[in-house]
Amino acid sequence: MTVKCQRIYDKQIAKGKRVLVDRVWPRGISKEDAQLDEWLKKVAPTTELRKWFNHEPKLYAAFSEKYAKELRENSEQQEAFEYLKDFVASSKEDVILLYAAKDTQYNHAKVLMKLLKNN
């Protein structure tokens, strides 16, 4: 079992448990089309952090640190992250972290995937 990231707008659907990790529902995607197993909005970065980052590659390292700190120190995010870790550990299938960001390299789902693999 592995953790993977995929943009929710991708036409090819990866096999596995599908978990949306965005705080806001992605535009233009119906709940039926999303085919989700979970929607963990509280594991996403706070609105303030997301706006600060603004998907600027030069801010990605600092964003990753700030986001990891949020997941450790914000009780709602910490609880959601613990739930996600348990979900991944108990899954018999790959877990696909879904996100809406256009940038497939510098986004919070990639940070989550790295944190999950290191925990």
C-alpha atoms as a PDB file:
ATOM      1  CA  MET A   1       0.000   0.000   0.000  1.00  0.00           C
ATOM      2  CA  THR A   2       1.308   3.443  -0.928  1.00  0.00           C
ATOM      3  CA  VAL A   3       0.193   7.047  -0.616  1.00  0.00           C
ATOM      4  CA  LYS A   4      -0.078   8.980  -3.870  1.00  0.00           C
ATOM      5  CA  CYS A   5      -1.209  12.449  -4.889  1.00  0.00           C
ATOM      6  CA  GLN A   6      -3.492  13.251  -7.789  1.00  0.00           C
ATOM      7  CA  ARG A   7      -5.211  16.354  -9.051  1.00  0.00           C
ATOM      8  CA  ILE A   8      -8.971  15.840  -8.746  1.00  0.00           C
ATOM      9  CA  TYR A   9      -9.434  17.231 -12.260  1.00  0.00           C
ATOM     10  CA  ASP A  10      -7.284  14.504 -13.848  1.00  0.00           C
ATOM     11  CA  LYS A  11      -9.308  12.394 -16.266  1.00  0.00           C
ATOM     12  CA  GLN A  12      -7.504   9.158 -15.433  1.00  0.00           C
ATOM     13  CA  ILE A  13      -8.671   7.940 -12.029  1.00  0.00           C
ATOM     14  CA  ALA A  14      -5.990   6.234  -9.967  1.00  0.00           C
ATOM     15  CA  LYS A  15      -7.107   3.065  -8.208  1.00  0.00           C
ATOM     16  CA  GLY A  16      -7.304   3.157  -4.451  1.00  0.00           C
ATOM     17  CA  LYS A  17      -9.031   4.939  -1.603  1.00  0.00           C
ATOM     18  CA  ARG A  18      -9.745   8.511  -2.696  1.00  0.00           C
ATOM     19  CA  VAL A  19      -9.363  11.231  -0.061  1.00  0.00           C
ATOM     20  CA  LEU A  20      -9.994  14.897  -0.854  1.00  0.00           C
ATOM     21  CA  VAL A  21      -7.630  16.991   1.284  1.00  0.00           C
ATOM     22  CA  ASP A  22      -8.850  20.481   0.297  1.00  0.00           C
ATOM     23  CA  ARG A  23     -10.755  22.794   2.626  1.00  0.00           C
ATOM     24  CA  VAL A  24     -13.077  23.964  -0.170  1.00  0.00           C
ATOM     25  CA  TRP A  25     -14.988  21.746  -2.609  1.00  0.00           C
ATOM     26  CA  PRO A  26     -13.360  21.861  -6.085  1.00  0.00           C
ATOM     27  CA  ARG A  27     -15.259  23.899  -8.664  1.00  0.00           C
ATOM     28  CA  GLY A  28     -17.001  22.008 -11.419  1.00  0.00           C
ATOM     29  CA  ILE A  29     -16.686  18.585  -9.777  1.00  0.00           C
ATOM     30  CA  SER A  30     -19.868  16.801  -8.748  1.00  0.00           C
ATOM     31  CA  LYS A  31     -19.858  14.589  -5.687  1.00  0.00           C
ATOM     32  CA  GLU A  32     -20.644  11.663  -7.988  1.00  0.00           C
ATOM     33  CA  ASP A  33     -17.710  12.416 -10.301  1.00  0.00           C
ATOM     34  CA  ALA A  34     -15.333  12.836  -7.358  1.00  0.00           C
ATOM     35  CA  GLN A  35     -15.899   9.218  -6.248  1.00  0.00           C
ATOM     36  CA  LEU A  36     -14.551   9.987  -2.770  1.00  0.00           C
ATOM     37  CA  ASP A  37     -14.025   7.653   0.129  1.00  0.00           C
ATOM     38  CA  GLU A  38     -13.299  10.599   2.464  1.00  0.00           C
ATOM     39  CA  TRP A  39     -13.259  14.392   2.461  1.00  0.00           C
ATOM     40  CA  LEU A  40     -10.911  15.667   5.156  1.00  0.00           C
ATOM     41  CA  LYS A  41     -11.235  19.451   4.940  1.00  0.00           C
ATOM     42  CA  LYS A  42      -9.701  20.040   8.348  1.00  0.00           C
ATOM     43  CA  VAL A  43      -6.387  18.449   7.325  1.00  0.00           C
ATOM     44  CA  ALA A  44      -5.891  21.212   4.732  1.00  0.00           C
ATOM     45  CA  PRO A  45      -3.831  24.324   5.507  1.00  0.00           C
ATOM     46  CA  THR A  46      -5.631  27.244   7.104  1.00  0.00           C
ATOM     47  CA  THR A  47      -7.009  29.849   4.731  1.00  0.00           C
ATOM     48  CA  GLU A  48      -4.413  32.324   6.000  1.00  0.00           C
ATOM     49  CA  LEU A  49      -1.503  29.978   5.253  1.00  0.00           C
ATOM     50  CA  ARG A  50      -2.911  28.996   1.867  1.00  0.00           C
ATOM     51  CA  LYS A  51      -3.280  32.652   0.845  1.00  0.00           C
ATOM     52  CA  TRP A  52       0.212  33.477   2.117  1.00  0.00           C
ATOM     53  CA  PHE A  53       1.748  30.632   0.103  1.00  0.00           C
ATOM     54  CA  ASN A  54      -0.262  31.387  -3.067  1.00  0.00           C
ATOM     55  CA  HIS A  55       1.515  28.438  -4.754  1.00  0.00           C
ATOM     56  CA  GLU A  56       4.761  30.390  -5.102  1.00  0.00           C
ATOM     57  CA  PRO A  57       7.559  27.840  -5.629  1.00  0.00           C
ATOM     58  CA  LYS A  58      10.081  30.057  -3.817  1.00  0.00           C
ATOM     59  CA  LEU A  59       7.885  29.898  -0.676  1.00  0.00           C
ATOM     60  CA  TYR A  60       7.359  26.119  -0.789  1.00  0.00           C
ATOM     61  CA  ALA A  61      10.042  25.181   1.766  1.00  0.00           C
ATOM     62  CA  ALA A  62       8.758  27.744   4.280  1.00  0.00           C
ATOM     63  CA  PHE A  63       5.162  26.763   3.507  1.00  0.00           C
ATOM     64  CA  SER A  64       5.979  23.090   4.141  1.00  0.00           C
ATOM     65  CA  GLU A  65       7.420  23.931   7.565  1.00  0.00           C
ATOM     66  CA  LYS A  66       4.524  26.209   8.516  1.00  0.00           C
ATOM     67  CA  TYR A  67       1.978  23.632   7.362  1.00  0.00           C
ATOM     68  CA  ALA A  68       3.680  20.823   9.301  1.00  0.00           C
ATOM     69  CA  LYS A  69       3.635  23.096  12.354  1.00  0.00           C
ATOM     70  CA  GLU A  70      -0.099  23.707  11.879  1.00  0.00           C
ATOM     71  CA  LEU A  71      -0.700  19.957  11.729  1.00  0.00           C
ATOM     72  CA  ARG A  72       1.174  19.547  15.026  1.00  0.00           C
ATOM     73  CA  GLU A  73      -0.226  22.542  16.900  1.00  0.00           C
ATOM     74  CA  ASN A  74      -3.746  23.254  15.618  1.00  0.00           C
ATOM     75  CA  SER A  75      -6.019  20.782  17.418  1.00  0.00           C
ATOM     76  CA  GLU A  76      -8.554  20.398  14.575  1.00  0.00           C
ATOM     77  CA  GLN A  77      -5.845  19.865  11.980  1.00  0.00           C
ATOM     78  CA  GLN A  78      -3.915  17.565  14.299  1.00  0.00           C
ATOM     79  CA  GLU A  79      -7.017  15.432  14.852  1.00  0.00           C
ATOM     80  CA  ALA A  80      -7.693  15.261  11.102  1.00  0.00           C
ATOM     81  CA  PHE A  81      -4.052  14.328  10.398  1.00  0.00           C
ATOM     82  CA  GLU A  82      -4.154  11.561  13.021  1.00  0.00           C
ATOM     83  CA  TYR A  83      -7.364  10.263  11.425  1.00  0.00           C
ATOM     84  CA  LEU A  84      -5.665  10.300   8.012  1.00  0.00           C
ATOM     85  CA  LYS A  85      -2.631   8.423   9.370  1.00  0.00           C
ATOM     86  CA  ASP A  86      -4.942   5.747  10.815  1.00  0.00           C
ATOM     87  CA  PHE A  87      -6.912   5.627   7.560  1.00  0.00           C
ATOM     88  CA  VAL A  88      -3.707   5.049   5.578  1.00  0.00           C
ATOM     89  CA  ALA A  89      -2.399   2.452   8.037  1.00  0.00           C
ATOM     90  CA  SER A  90      -5.628   0.445   7.922  1.00  0.00           C
ATOM     91  CA  SER A  91      -6.146   0.653   4.149  1.00  0.00           C
ATOM     92  CA  LYS A  92      -5.549  -2.466   2.112  1.00  0.00           C
ATOM     93  CA  GLU A  93      -5.425  -0.321  -1.036  1.00  0.00           C
ATOM     94  CA  ASP A  94      -3.325   2.626  -2.141  1.00  0.00           C
ATOM     95  CA  VAL A  95      -4.519   5.940  -0.727  1.00  0.00           C
ATOM     96  CA  ILE A  96      -4.875   8.782  -3.225  1.00  0.00           C
ATOM     97  CA  LEU A  97      -4.674  12.302  -1.767  1.00  0.00           C
ATOM     98  CA  LEU A  98      -6.783  14.477  -4.048  1.00  0.00           C
ATOM     99  CA  TYR A  99      -6.339  18.226  -4.425  1.00  0.00           C
ATOM    100  CA  ALA A 100      -7.563  20.945  -6.801  1.00  0.00           C
ATOM    101  CA  ALA A 101      -4.422  23.099  -7.100  1.00  0.00           C
ATOM    102  CA  LYS A 102      -3.115  23.590 -10.633  1.00  0.00           C
ATOM    103  CA  ASP A 103       0.488  23.194  -9.496  1.00  0.00           C
ATOM    104  CA  THR A 104       1.180  19.473  -9.300  1.00  0.00           C
ATOM    105  CA  GLN A 105       4.606  19.894  -7.713  1.00  0.00           C
ATOM    106  CA  TYR A 106       4.219  22.635  -5.082  1.00  0.00           C
ATOM    107  CA  ASN A 107       1.036  21.970  -3.129  1.00  0.00           C
ATOM    108  CA  HIS A 108      -0.112  20.905   0.324  1.00  0.00           C
ATOM    109  CA  ALA A 109      -1.011  17.354  -0.749  1.00  0.00           C
ATOM    110  CA  LYS A 110       2.668  16.728  -1.530  1.00  0.00           C
ATOM    111  CA  VAL A 111       3.571  17.953   1.969  1.00  0.00           C
ATOM    112  CA  LEU A 112       0.932  15.649   3.471  1.00  0.00           C
ATOM    113  CA  MET A 113       2.205  12.688   1.468  1.00  0.00           C
ATOM    114  CA  LYS A 114       5.759  13.287   2.690  1.00  0.00           C
ATOM    115  CA  LEU A 115       4.607  13.644   6.304  1.00  0.00           C
ATOM    116  CA  LEU A 116       2.570  10.440   6.064  1.00  0.00           C
ATOM    117  CA  LYS A 117       5.533   8.529   4.686  1.00  0.00           C
ATOM    118  CA  ASN A 118       7.785   9.845   7.475  1.00  0.00           C
ATOM    119  CA  ASN A 119       5.372   8.994  10.308  1.00  0.00           C
END
